[in-house]
Amino acid sequence: MIRTFLSRRHRDPVRVRSHRRRPALEALEERTLLATMLWDNPSGGDWDIATNWVNQANPLDNHVPRSSDDAQINTAGISVTHSTTSIDSVHSLSSSANLTISAGSLSVTVP
């Protein structure tokens, strides 16, 4: 863009070129969205098997609940075991099933 100004000294038009800044890309921070992971095995099973879980918002997403996820086991009368040495953490947990932790650990952020 070229703008024209009058010089105080000469009273003549002076052309000044203004430079526009180009937009720059900025790195974004990594974010993890809270998901509600539902137990998907009607006969019970191992906590640390991804196919036993399904994301409530995305039925194609099967993963073991993480610290940013809410875990829900809505099937009563089954047993879910945590028998591997893994250290798991979830945001919250609600369960209608018998949950047995025989190895590793499971921490819940929101009681």
PDB file of N, CA and C in Angstrom:
ATOM      1  N   MET A   1       0.847  -1.157   0.000  1.00  0.00           N
ATOM      2  CA  MET A   1       0.000   0.000   0.000  1.00  0.00           C
ATOM      3  C   MET A   1       0.899   1.228   0.000  1.00  0.00           C
ATOM      4  N   ILE A   2       0.573   2.192  -0.816  1.00  0.00           N
ATOM      5  CA  ILE A   2       1.349   3.425  -0.877  1.00  0.00           C
ATOM      6  C   ILE A   2       0.458   4.565  -0.427  1.00  0.00           C
ATOM      7  N   ARG A   3       0.952   5.325   0.530  1.00  0.00           N
ATOM      8  CA  ARG A   3       0.205   6.471   1.038  1.00  0.00           C
ATOM      9  C   ARG A   3       0.964   7.746   0.687  1.00  0.00           C
ATOM     10  N   THR A   4       0.239   8.809   0.491  1.00  0.00           N
ATOM     11  CA  THR A   4       0.856  10.086   0.143  1.00  0.00           C
ATOM     12  C   THR A   4       0.666  11.054   1.293  1.00  0.00           C
ATOM     13  N   PHE A   5       1.769  11.673   1.733  1.00  0.00           N
ATOM     14  CA  PHE A   5       1.747  12.667   2.796  1.00  0.00           C
ATOM     15  C   PHE A   5       2.422  13.936   2.278  1.00  0.00           C
ATOM     16  N   LEU A   6       2.085  15.071   2.848  1.00  0.00           N
ATOM     17  CA  LEU A   6       2.774  16.308   2.500  1.00  0.00           C
ATOM     18  C   LEU A   6       3.905  16.523   3.478  1.00  0.00           C
ATOM     19  N   SER A   7       5.079  16.770   2.922  1.00  0.00           N
ATOM     20  CA  SER A   7       6.239  17.036   3.757  1.00  0.00           C
ATOM     21  C   SER A   7       6.108  18.418   4.346  1.00  0.00           C
ATOM     22  N   ARG A   8       6.415  18.602   5.610  1.00  0.00           N
ATOM     23  CA  ARG A   8       6.319  19.913   6.247  1.00  0.00           C
ATOM     24  C   ARG A   8       7.340  20.887   5.655  1.00  0.00           C
ATOM     25  N   ARG A   9       8.482  20.387   5.345  1.00  0.00           N
ATOM     26  CA  ARG A   9       9.538  21.246   4.858  1.00  0.00           C
ATOM     27  C   ARG A   9       9.278  21.736   3.436  1.00  0.00           C
ATOM     28  N   HIS A  10       8.865  20.855   2.576  1.00  0.00           N
ATOM     29  CA  HIS A  10       8.754  21.194   1.164  1.00  0.00           C
ATOM     30  C   HIS A  10       7.319  21.359   0.685  1.00  0.00           C
ATOM     31  N   ARG A  11       6.399  20.965   1.445  1.00  0.00           N
ATOM     32  CA  ARG A  11       4.998  20.984   1.051  1.00  0.00           C
ATOM     33  C   ARG A  11       4.770  20.226  -0.247  1.00  0.00           C
ATOM     34  N   ASP A  12       5.657  19.273  -0.482  1.00  0.00           N
ATOM     35  CA  ASP A  12       5.509  18.407  -1.652  1.00  0.00           C
ATOM     36  C   ASP A  12       4.997  17.044  -1.176  1.00  0.00           C
ATOM     37  N   PRO A  13       4.240  16.406  -2.006  1.00  0.00           N
ATOM     38  CA  PRO A  13       3.788  15.062  -1.624  1.00  0.00           C
ATOM     39  C   PRO A  13       4.974  14.108  -1.484  1.00  0.00           C
ATOM     40  N   VAL A  14       4.951  13.335  -0.445  1.00  0.00           N
ATOM     41  CA  VAL A  14       5.984  12.328  -0.205  1.00  0.00           C
ATOM     42  C   VAL A  14       5.284  10.982  -0.152  1.00  0.00           C
ATOM     43  N   ARG A  15       5.803  10.061  -0.898  1.00  0.00           N
ATOM     44  CA  ARG A  15       5.207   8.737  -0.900  1.00  0.00           C
ATOM     45  C   ARG A  15       5.902   7.868   0.140  1.00  0.00           C
ATOM     46  N   VAL A  16       5.080   7.229   0.928  1.00  0.00           N
ATOM     47  CA  VAL A  16       5.596   6.345   1.969  1.00  0.00           C
ATOM     48  C   VAL A  16       4.979   4.968   1.745  1.00  0.00           C
ATOM     49  N   ARG A  17       5.816   3.983   1.688  1.00  0.00           N
ATOM     50  CA  ARG A  17       5.333   2.614   1.500  1.00  0.00           C
ATOM     51  C   ARG A  17       5.154   1.970   2.875  1.00  0.00           C
ATOM     52  N   SER A  18       3.953   1.550   3.148  1.00  0.00           N
ATOM     53  CA  SER A  18       3.722   0.859   4.420  1.00  0.00           C
ATOM     54  C   SER A  18       3.784  -0.647   4.173  1.00  0.00           C
ATOM     55  N   HIS A  19       4.426  -1.332   5.073  1.00  0.00           N
ATOM     56  CA  HIS A  19       4.597  -2.784   4.939  1.00  0.00           C
ATOM     57  C   HIS A  19       3.616  -3.494   5.859  1.00  0.00           C
ATOM     58  N   ARG A  20       2.923  -4.407   5.288  1.00  0.00           N
ATOM     59  CA  ARG A  20       2.018  -5.219   6.096  1.00  0.00           C
ATOM     60  C   ARG A  20       2.754  -6.470   6.561  1.00  0.00           C
ATOM     61  N   ARG A  21       2.475  -6.853   7.746  1.00  0.00           N
ATOM     62  CA  ARG A  21       3.096  -8.070   8.265  1.00  0.00           C
ATOM     63  C   ARG A  21       2.371  -9.283   7.726  1.00  0.00           C
ATOM     64  N   ARG A  22       3.141 -10.260   7.371  1.00  0.00           N
ATOM     65  CA  ARG A  22       2.551 -11.517   6.931  1.00  0.00           C
ATOM     66  C   ARG A  22       2.093 -12.314   8.146  1.00  0.00           C
ATOM     67  N   PRO A  23       1.001 -13.010   8.011  1.00  0.00           N
ATOM     68  CA  PRO A  23       0.580 -13.842   9.139  1.00  0.00           C
ATOM     69  C   PRO A  23       1.613 -14.945   9.386  1.00  0.00           C
ATOM     70  N   ALA A  24       1.852 -15.216  10.625  1.00  0.00           N
ATOM     71  CA  ALA A  24       2.827 -16.246  10.990  1.00  0.00           C
ATOM     72  C   ALA A  24       2.109 -17.414  11.645  1.00  0.00           C
ATOM     73  N   LEU A  25       2.658 -18.589  11.485  1.00  0.00           N
ATOM     74  CA  LEU A  25       2.116 -19.770  12.138  1.00  0.00           C
ATOM     75  C   LEU A  25       2.694 -19.882  13.540  1.00  0.00           C
ATOM     76  N   GLU A  26       1.857 -20.259  14.450  1.00  0.00           N
ATOM     77  CA  GLU A  26       2.296 -20.404  15.832  1.00  0.00           C
ATOM     78  C   GLU A  26       2.008 -21.825  16.281  1.00  0.00           C
ATOM     79  N   ALA A  27       2.981 -22.438  16.926  1.00  0.00           N
ATOM     80  CA  ALA A  27       2.799 -23.810  17.413  1.00  0.00           C
ATOM     81  C   ALA A  27       1.770 -23.816  18.534  1.00  0.00           C
ATOM     82  N   LEU A  28       0.846 -24.769  18.468  1.00  0.00           N
ATOM     83  CA  LEU A  28      -0.177 -24.888  19.492  1.00  0.00           C
ATOM     84  C   LEU A  28       0.237 -25.924  20.522  1.00  0.00           C
ATOM     85  N   GLU A  29      -0.261 -25.754  21.715  1.00  0.00           N
ATOM     86  CA  GLU A  29       0.036 -26.733  22.754  1.00  0.00           C
ATOM     87  C   GLU A  29      -0.802 -27.988  22.521  1.00  0.00           C
ATOM     88  N   GLU A  30      -0.266 -29.106  22.958  1.00  0.00           N
ATOM     89  CA  GLU A  30      -0.982 -30.363  22.821  1.00  0.00           C
ATOM     90  C   GLU A  30      -2.063 -30.440  23.890  1.00  0.00           C
ATOM     91  N   ARG A  31      -3.243 -30.872  23.485  1.00  0.00           N
ATOM     92  CA  ARG A  31      -4.343 -30.989  24.430  1.00  0.00           C
ATOM     93  C   ARG A  31      -4.989 -32.360  24.279  1.00  0.00           C
ATOM     94  N   THR A  32      -5.424 -32.872  25.392  1.00  0.00           N
ATOM     95  CA  THR A  32      -6.129 -34.138  25.403  1.00  0.00           C
ATOM     96  C   THR A  32      -7.558 -33.876  25.846  1.00  0.00           C
ATOM     97  N   LEU A  33      -8.508 -34.317  25.057  1.00  0.00           N
ATOM     98  CA  LEU A  33      -9.895 -34.096  25.395  1.00  0.00           C
ATOM     99  C   LEU A  33     -10.401 -35.192  26.318  1.00  0.00           C
ATOM    100  N   LEU A  34     -11.272 -34.809  27.222  1.00  0.00           N
ATOM    101  CA  LEU A  34     -11.887 -35.749  28.133  1.00  0.00           C
ATOM    102  C   LEU A  34     -12.852 -36.620  27.345  1.00  0.00           C
ATOM    103  N   ALA A  35     -12.713 -37.933  27.483  1.00  0.00           N
ATOM    104  CA  ALA A  35     -13.611 -38.879  26.824  1.00  0.00           C
ATOM    105  C   ALA A  35     -14.273 -39.734  27.886  1.00  0.00           C
ATOM    106  N   THR A  36     -15.472 -40.205  27.579  1.00  0.00           N
ATOM    107  CA  THR A  36     -16.131 -41.169  28.454  1.00  0.00           C
ATOM    108  C   THR A  36     -15.970 -42.533  27.806  1.00  0.00           C
ATOM    109  N   MET A  37     -15.204 -43.393  28.464  1.00  0.00           N
ATOM    110  CA  MET A  37     -14.953 -44.734  27.961  1.00  0.00           C
ATOM    111  C   MET A  37     -15.914 -45.700  28.651  1.00  0.00           C
ATOM    112  N   LEU A  38     -16.687 -46.432  27.842  1.00  0.00           N
ATOM    113  CA  LEU A  38     -17.683 -47.375  28.352  1.00  0.00           C
ATOM    114  C   LEU A  38     -17.161 -48.796  28.238  1.00  0.00           C
ATOM    115  N   TRP A  39     -17.410 -49.605  29.264  1.00  0.00           N
ATOM    116  CA  TRP A  39     -17.042 -51.025  29.220  1.00  0.00           C
ATOM    117  C   TRP A  39     -17.916 -51.686  28.165  1.00  0.00           C
ATOM    118  N   ASP A  40     -17.304 -52.486  27.285  1.00  0.00           N
ATOM    119  CA  ASP A  40     -18.015 -53.033  26.134  1.00  0.00           C
ATOM    120  C   ASP A  40     -17.976 -54.553  26.069  1.00  0.00           C
ATOM    121  N   ASN A  41     -17.644 -55.213  27.169  1.00  0.00           N
ATOM    122  CA  ASN A  41     -17.575 -56.677  27.174  1.00  0.00           C
ATOM    123  C   ASN A  41     -18.609 -57.198  28.180  1.00  0.00           C
ATOM    124  N   PRO A  42     -19.732 -57.737  27.703  1.00  0.00           N
ATOM    125  CA  PRO A  42     -20.814 -58.142  28.605  1.00  0.00           C
ATOM    126  C   PRO A  42     -20.463 -59.307  29.528  1.00  0.00           C
ATOM    127  N   SER A  43     -19.339 -59.966  29.283  1.00  0.00           N
ATOM    128  CA  SER A  43     -18.969 -61.094  30.145  1.00  0.00           C
ATOM    129  C   SER A  43     -17.818 -60.757  31.093  1.00  0.00           C
ATOM    130  N   GLY A  44     -17.440 -59.497  31.190  1.00  0.00           N
ATOM    131  CA  GLY A  44     -16.335 -59.116  32.074  1.00  0.00           C
ATOM    132  C   GLY A  44     -15.009 -59.238  31.347  1.00  0.00           C
ATOM    133  N   GLY A  45     -13.922 -59.193  32.104  1.00  0.00           N
ATOM    134  CA  GLY A  45     -12.619 -59.344  31.472  1.00  0.00           C
ATOM    135  C   GLY A  45     -11.553 -58.467  32.087  1.00  0.00           C
ATOM    136  N   ASP A  46     -10.478 -58.291  31.331  1.00  0.00           N
ATOM    137  CA  ASP A  46      -9.289 -57.573  31.795  1.00  0.00           C
ATOM    138  C   ASP A  46      -9.401 -56.085  31.474  1.00  0.00           C
ATOM    139  N   TRP A  47      -9.141 -55.268  32.479  1.00  0.00           N
ATOM    140  CA  TRP A  47      -9.170 -53.804  32.353  1.00  0.00           C
ATOM    141  C   TRP A  47      -8.266 -53.322  31.230  1.00  0.00           C
ATOM    142  N   ASP A  48      -7.081 -53.903  31.107  1.00  0.00           N
ATOM    143  CA  ASP A  48      -6.051 -53.389  30.192  1.00  0.00           C
ATOM    144  C   ASP A  48      -6.122 -53.935  28.774  1.00  0.00           C
ATOM    145  N   ILE A  49      -7.283 -54.357  28.333  1.00  0.00           N
ATOM    146  CA  ILE A  49      -7.473 -54.771  26.941  1.00  0.00           C
ATOM    147  C   ILE A  49      -8.336 -53.707  26.259  1.00  0.00           C
ATOM    148  N   ALA A  50      -7.763 -53.073  25.256  1.00  0.00           N
ATOM    149  CA  ALA A  50      -8.421 -51.927  24.608  1.00  0.00           C
ATOM    150  C   ALA A  50      -9.782 -52.277  24.012  1.00  0.00           C
ATOM    151  N   THR A  51      -9.942 -53.476  23.470  1.00  0.00           N
ATOM    152  CA  THR A  51     -11.220 -53.835  22.841  1.00  0.00           C
ATOM    153  C   THR A  51     -12.343 -54.022  23.855  1.00  0.00           C
ATOM    154  N   ASN A  52     -12.029 -54.038  25.137  1.00  0.00           N
ATOM    155  CA  ASN A  52     -13.072 -54.099  26.168  1.00  0.00           C
ATOM    156  C   ASN A  52     -13.700 -52.727  26.417  1.00  0.00           C
ATOM    157  N   TRP A  53     -13.153 -51.679  25.811  1.00  0.00           N
ATOM    158  CA  TRP A  53     -13.613 -50.305  26.029  1.00  0.00           C
ATOM    159  C   TRP A  53     -14.019 -49.669  24.713  1.00  0.00           C
ATOM    160  N   VAL A  54     -14.999 -48.779  24.768  1.00  0.00           N
ATOM    161  CA  VAL A  54     -15.407 -48.010  23.583  1.00  0.00           C
ATOM    162  C   VAL A  54     -15.691 -46.575  24.021  1.00  0.00           C
ATOM    163  N   ASN A  55     -15.265 -45.653  23.190  1.00  0.00           N
ATOM    164  CA  ASN A  55     -15.494 -44.232  23.460  1.00  0.00           C
ATOM    165  C   ASN A  55     -16.968 -43.923  23.201  1.00  0.00           C
ATOM    166  N   GLN A  56     -17.635 -43.339  24.176  1.00  0.00           N
ATOM    167  CA  GLN A  56     -19.056 -43.021  24.050  1.00  0.00           C
ATOM    168  C   GLN A  56     -19.328 -42.093  22.872  1.00  0.00           C
ATOM    169  N   ALA A  57     -18.436 -41.170  22.588  1.00  0.00           N
ATOM    170  CA  ALA A  57     -18.634 -40.193  21.509  1.00  0.00           C
ATOM    171  C   ALA A  57     -18.156 -40.692  20.149  1.00  0.00           C
ATOM    172  N   ASN A  58     -17.328 -41.741  20.133  1.00  0.00           N
ATOM    173  CA  ASN A  58     -16.776 -42.246  18.879  1.00  0.00           C
ATOM    174  C   ASN A  58     -16.672 -43.762  18.949  1.00  0.00           C
ATOM    175  N   PRO A  59     -17.660 -44.498  18.431  1.00  0.00           N
ATOM    176  CA  PRO A  59     -17.672 -45.959  18.540  1.00  0.00           C
ATOM    177  C   PRO A  59     -16.495 -46.651  17.847  1.00  0.00           C
ATOM    178  N   LEU A  60     -15.740 -45.922  17.043  1.00  0.00           N
ATOM    179  CA  LEU A  60     -14.571 -46.524  16.391  1.00  0.00           C
ATOM    180  C   LEU A  60     -13.315 -46.424  17.248  1.00  0.00           C
ATOM    181  N   ASP A  61     -13.411 -45.729  18.371  1.00  0.00           N
ATOM    182  CA  ASP A  61     -12.259 -45.523  19.263  1.00  0.00           C
ATOM    183  C   ASP A  61     -12.317 -46.503  20.427  1.00  0.00           C
ATOM    184  N   ASN A  62     -11.403 -47.454  20.415  1.00  0.00           N
ATOM    185  CA  ASN A  62     -11.268 -48.412  21.514  1.00  0.00           C
ATOM    186  C   ASN A  62      -9.901 -48.202  22.141  1.00  0.00           C
ATOM    187  N   HIS A  63      -9.875 -47.766  23.385  1.00  0.00           N
ATOM    188  CA  HIS A  63      -8.608 -47.670  24.106  1.00  0.00           C
ATOM    189  C   HIS A  63      -8.866 -47.799  25.598  1.00  0.00           C
ATOM    190  N   VAL A  64      -7.852 -48.241  26.308  1.00  0.00           N
ATOM    191  CA  VAL A  64      -7.932 -48.343  27.758  1.00  0.00           C
ATOM    192  C   VAL A  64      -8.047 -46.918  28.303  1.00  0.00           C
ATOM    193  N   PRO A  65      -8.957 -46.667  29.242  1.00  0.00           N
ATOM    194  CA  PRO A  65      -9.110 -45.308  29.765  1.00  0.00           C
ATOM    195  C   PRO A  65      -7.802 -44.740  30.302  1.00  0.00           C
ATOM    196  N   ARG A  66      -7.585 -43.441  30.023  1.00  0.00           N
ATOM    197  CA  ARG A  66      -6.384 -42.738  30.462  1.00  0.00           C
ATOM    198  C   ARG A  66      -6.747 -41.709  31.524  1.00  0.00           C
ATOM    199  N   SER A  67      -5.758 -40.989  31.987  1.00  0.00           N
ATOM    200  CA  SER A  67      -5.971 -40.013  33.058  1.00  0.00           C
ATOM    201  C   SER A  67      -6.921 -38.891  32.661  1.00  0.00           C
ATOM    202  N   SER A  68      -7.118 -38.676  31.381  1.00  0.00           N
ATOM    203  CA  SER A  68      -8.032 -37.627  30.925  1.00  0.00           C
ATOM    204  C   SER A  68      -9.415 -38.179  30.589  1.00  0.00           C
ATOM    205  N   ASP A  69      -9.665 -39.456  30.877  1.00  0.00           N
ATOM    206  CA  ASP A  69     -10.932 -40.104  30.532  1.00  0.00           C
ATOM    207  C   ASP A  69     -11.757 -40.441  31.762  1.00  0.00           C
ATOM    208  N   ASP A  70     -13.076 -40.451  31.574  1.00  0.00           N
ATOM    209  CA  ASP A  70     -13.990 -40.993  32.569  1.00  0.00           C
ATOM    210  C   ASP A  70     -14.261 -42.441  32.176  1.00  0.00           C
ATOM    211  N   ALA A  71     -14.209 -43.355  33.129  1.00  0.00           N
ATOM    212  CA  ALA A  71     -14.456 -44.769  32.859  1.00  0.00           C
ATOM    213  C   ALA A  71     -15.786 -45.175  33.481  1.00  0.00           C
ATOM    214  N   GLN A  72     -16.627 -45.860  32.688  1.00  0.00           N
ATOM    215  CA  GLN A  72     -17.920 -46.329  33.183  1.00  0.00           C
ATOM    216  C   GLN A  72     -18.086 -47.801  32.853  1.00  0.00           C
ATOM    217  N   ILE A  73     -18.390 -48.585  33.889  1.00  0.00           N
ATOM    218  CA  ILE A  73     -18.710 -50.001  33.713  1.00  0.00           C
ATOM    219  C   ILE A  73     -20.153 -50.139  34.167  1.00  0.00           C
ATOM    220  N   ASN A  74     -21.072 -50.185  33.202  1.00  0.00           N
ATOM    221  CA  ASN A  74     -22.500 -50.153  33.506  1.00  0.00           C
ATOM    222  C   ASN A  74     -23.154 -51.532  33.521  1.00  0.00           C
ATOM    223  N   THR A  75     -22.383 -52.603  33.400  1.00  0.00           N
ATOM    224  CA  THR A  75     -22.929 -53.951  33.392  1.00  0.00           C
ATOM    225  C   THR A  75     -22.773 -54.561  34.771  1.00  0.00           C
ATOM    226  N   ALA A  76     -23.894 -54.865  35.416  1.00  0.00           N
ATOM    227  CA  ALA A  76     -23.855 -55.474  36.754  1.00  0.00           C
ATOM    228  C   ALA A  76     -23.657 -56.989  36.640  1.00  0.00           C
ATOM    229  N   GLY A  77     -23.107 -57.573  37.694  1.00  0.00           N
ATOM    230  CA  GLY A  77     -22.964 -59.026  37.759  1.00  0.00           C
ATOM    231  C   GLY A  77     -21.756 -59.589  37.031  1.00  0.00           C
ATOM    232  N   ILE A  78     -20.857 -58.743  36.565  1.00  0.00           N
ATOM    233  CA  ILE A  78     -19.637 -59.226  35.902  1.00  0.00           C
ATOM    234  C   ILE A  78     -18.430 -58.861  36.750  1.00  0.00           C
ATOM    235  N   SER A  79     -17.287 -59.456  36.420  1.00  0.00           N
ATOM    236  CA  SER A  79     -16.028 -59.135  37.102  1.00  0.00           C
ATOM    237  C   SER A  79     -15.050 -58.546  36.112  1.00  0.00           C
ATOM    238  N   VAL A  80     -14.472 -57.432  36.496  1.00  0.00           N
ATOM    239  CA  VAL A  80     -13.430 -56.783  35.702  1.00  0.00           C
ATOM    240  C   VAL A  80     -12.175 -56.837  36.548  1.00  0.00           C
ATOM    241  N   THR A  81     -11.086 -57.334  35.966  1.00  0.00           N
ATOM    242  CA  THR A  81      -9.840 -57.482  36.716  1.00  0.00           C
ATOM    243  C   THR A  81      -8.762 -56.566  36.176  1.00  0.00           C
ATOM    244  N   HIS A  82      -7.950 -56.068  37.083  1.00  0.00           N
ATOM    245  CA  HIS A  82      -6.748 -55.300  36.731  1.00  0.00           C
ATOM    246  C   HIS A  82      -5.600 -56.167  37.226  1.00  0.00           C
ATOM    247  N   SER A  83      -5.092 -57.000  36.343  1.00  0.00           N
ATOM    248  CA  SER A  83      -4.114 -58.002  36.773  1.00  0.00           C
ATOM    249  C   SER A  83      -2.740 -57.831  36.150  1.00  0.00           C
ATOM    250  N   THR A  84      -2.537 -56.784  35.352  1.00  0.00           N
ATOM    251  CA  THR A  84      -1.206 -56.550  34.792  1.00  0.00           C
ATOM    252  C   THR A  84      -0.447 -55.597  35.712  1.00  0.00           C
ATOM    253  N   THR A  85       0.836 -55.500  35.511  1.00  0.00           N
ATOM    254  CA  THR A  85       1.665 -54.643  36.368  1.00  0.00           C
ATOM    255  C   THR A  85       1.621 -53.173  35.950  1.00  0.00           C
ATOM    256  N   SER A  86       0.743 -52.842  35.028  1.00  0.00           N
ATOM    257  CA  SER A  86       0.677 -51.458  34.551  1.00  0.00           C
ATOM    258  C   SER A  86       0.116 -50.532  35.625  1.00  0.00           C
ATOM    259  N   ILE A  87       0.513 -49.272  35.517  1.00  0.00           N
ATOM    260  CA  ILE A  87       0.037 -48.224  36.412  1.00  0.00           C
ATOM    261  C   ILE A  87      -0.955 -47.394  35.609  1.00  0.00           C
ATOM    262  N   ASP A  88      -2.236 -47.557  35.896  1.00  0.00           N
ATOM    263  CA  ASP A  88      -3.287 -46.854  35.158  1.00  0.00           C
ATOM    264  C   ASP A  88      -3.871 -45.735  36.000  1.00  0.00           C
ATOM    265  N   SER A  89      -4.413 -44.733  35.314  1.00  0.00           N
ATOM    266  CA  SER A  89      -5.029 -43.599  35.980  1.00  0.00           C
ATOM    267  C   SER A  89      -6.208 -43.152  35.139  1.00  0.00           C
ATOM    268  N   VAL A  90      -7.325 -42.816  35.789  1.00  0.00           N
ATOM    269  CA  VAL A  90      -8.502 -42.302  35.099  1.00  0.00           C
ATOM    270  C   VAL A  90      -8.964 -41.031  35.796  1.00  0.00           C
ATOM    271  N   HIS A  91      -9.712 -40.222  35.069  1.00  0.00           N
ATOM    272  CA  HIS A  91     -10.262 -39.000  35.644  1.00  0.00           C
ATOM    273  C   HIS A  91     -11.339 -39.353  36.669  1.00  0.00           C
ATOM    274  N   SER A  92     -12.289 -40.199  36.267  1.00  0.00           N
ATOM    275  CA  SER A  92     -13.325 -40.664  37.198  1.00  0.00           C
ATOM    276  C   SER A  92     -13.718 -42.088  36.828  1.00  0.00           C
ATOM    277  N   LEU A  93     -14.341 -42.780  37.780  1.00  0.00           N
ATOM    278  CA  LEU A  93     -14.734 -44.174  37.578  1.00  0.00           C
ATOM    279  C   LEU A  93     -16.078 -44.413  38.237  1.00  0.00           C
ATOM    280  N   SER A  94     -16.996 -45.003  37.472  1.00  0.00           N
ATOM    281  CA  SER A  94     -18.244 -45.492  38.054  1.00  0.00           C
ATOM    282  C   SER A  94     -18.403 -46.926  37.569  1.00  0.00           C
ATOM    283  N   SER A  95     -18.782 -47.811  38.489  1.00  0.00           N
ATOM    284  CA  SER A  95     -18.846 -49.225  38.135  1.00  0.00           C
ATOM    285  C   SER A  95     -20.014 -49.920  38.817  1.00  0.00           C
ATOM    286  N   SER A  96     -20.735 -50.716  38.034  1.00  0.00           N
ATOM    287  CA  SER A  96     -21.777 -51.596  38.553  1.00  0.00           C
ATOM    288  C   SER A  96     -21.240 -53.011  38.679  1.00  0.00           C
ATOM    289  N   ALA A  97     -20.003 -53.219  38.263  1.00  0.00           N
ATOM    290  CA  ALA A  97     -19.379 -54.547  38.262  1.00  0.00           C
ATOM    291  C   ALA A  97     -18.436 -54.692  39.445  1.00  0.00           C
ATOM    292  N   ASN A  98     -18.037 -55.924  39.698  1.00  0.00           N
ATOM    293  CA  ASN A  98     -17.024 -56.217  40.703  1.00  0.00           C
ATOM    294  C   ASN A  98     -15.663 -55.922  40.073  1.00  0.00           C
ATOM    295  N   LEU A  99     -14.919 -54.993  40.628  1.00  0.00           N
ATOM    296  CA  LEU A  99     -13.618 -54.613  40.091  1.00  0.00           C
ATOM    297  C   LEU A  99     -12.534 -55.120  41.029  1.00  0.00           C
ATOM    298  N   THR A 100     -11.673 -55.990  40.522  1.00  0.00           N
ATOM    299  CA  THR A 100     -10.609 -56.585  41.316  1.00  0.00           C
ATOM    300  C   THR A 100      -9.258 -56.112  40.803  1.00  0.00           C
ATOM    301  N   ILE A 101      -8.445 -55.542  41.699  1.00  0.00           N
ATOM    302  CA  ILE A 101      -7.097 -55.115  41.332  1.00  0.00           C
ATOM    303  C   ILE A 101      -6.133 -56.059  42.039  1.00  0.00           C
ATOM    304  N   SER A 102      -5.491 -56.938  41.239  1.00  0.00           N
ATOM    305  CA  SER A 102      -4.571 -57.924  41.820  1.00  0.00           C
ATOM    306  C   SER A 102      -3.113 -57.626  41.503  1.00  0.00           C
ATOM    307  N   ALA A 103      -2.865 -56.684  40.608  1.00  0.00           N
ATOM    308  CA  ALA A 103      -1.485 -56.279  40.271  1.00  0.00           C
ATOM    309  C   ALA A 103      -1.539 -54.874  39.694  1.00  0.00           C
ATOM    310  N   GLY A 104      -0.398 -54.202  39.690  1.00  0.00           N
ATOM    311  CA  GLY A 104      -0.352 -52.843  39.170  1.00  0.00           C
ATOM    312  C   GLY A 104      -1.133 -51.910  40.069  1.00  0.00           C
ATOM    313  N   SER A 105      -1.590 -50.791  39.511  1.00  0.00           N
ATOM    314  CA  SER A 105      -2.370 -49.851  40.293  1.00  0.00           C
ATOM    315  C   SER A 105      -3.339 -49.109  39.390  1.00  0.00           C
ATOM    316  N   LEU A 106      -4.382 -48.585  40.005  1.00  0.00           N
ATOM    317  CA  LEU A 106      -5.371 -47.795  39.307  1.00  0.00           C
ATOM    318  C   LEU A 106      -5.711 -46.600  40.187  1.00  0.00           C
ATOM    319  N   SER A 107      -5.392 -45.405  39.713  1.00  0.00           N
ATOM    320  CA  SER A 107      -5.718 -44.220  40.488  1.00  0.00           C
ATOM    321  C   SER A 107      -6.863 -43.475  39.818  1.00  0.00           C
ATOM    322  N   VAL A 108      -7.702 -42.854  40.657  1.00  0.00           N
ATOM    323  CA  VAL A 108      -8.858 -42.114  40.193  1.00  0.00           C
ATOM    324  C   VAL A 108      -8.732 -40.681  40.711  1.00  0.00           C
ATOM    325  N   THR A 109      -8.744 -39.714  39.778  1.00  0.00           N
ATOM    326  CA  THR A 109      -8.562 -38.311  40.144  1.00  0.00           C
ATOM    327  C   THR A 109      -9.771 -37.760  40.892  1.00  0.00           C
ATOM    328  N   VAL A 110     -10.968 -37.999  40.345  1.00  0.00           N
ATOM    329  CA  VAL A 110     -12.201 -37.489  40.959  1.00  0.00           C
ATOM    330  C   VAL A 110     -12.923 -38.661  41.600  1.00  0.00           C
ATOM    331  N   PRO A 111     -13.040 -38.623  42.922  1.00  0.00           N
ATOM    332  CA  PRO A 111     -13.687 -39.771  43.611  1.00  0.00           C
ATOM    333  C   PRO A 111     -15.178 -39.867  43.311  1.00  0.00           C
TER     334      PRO A 111
END
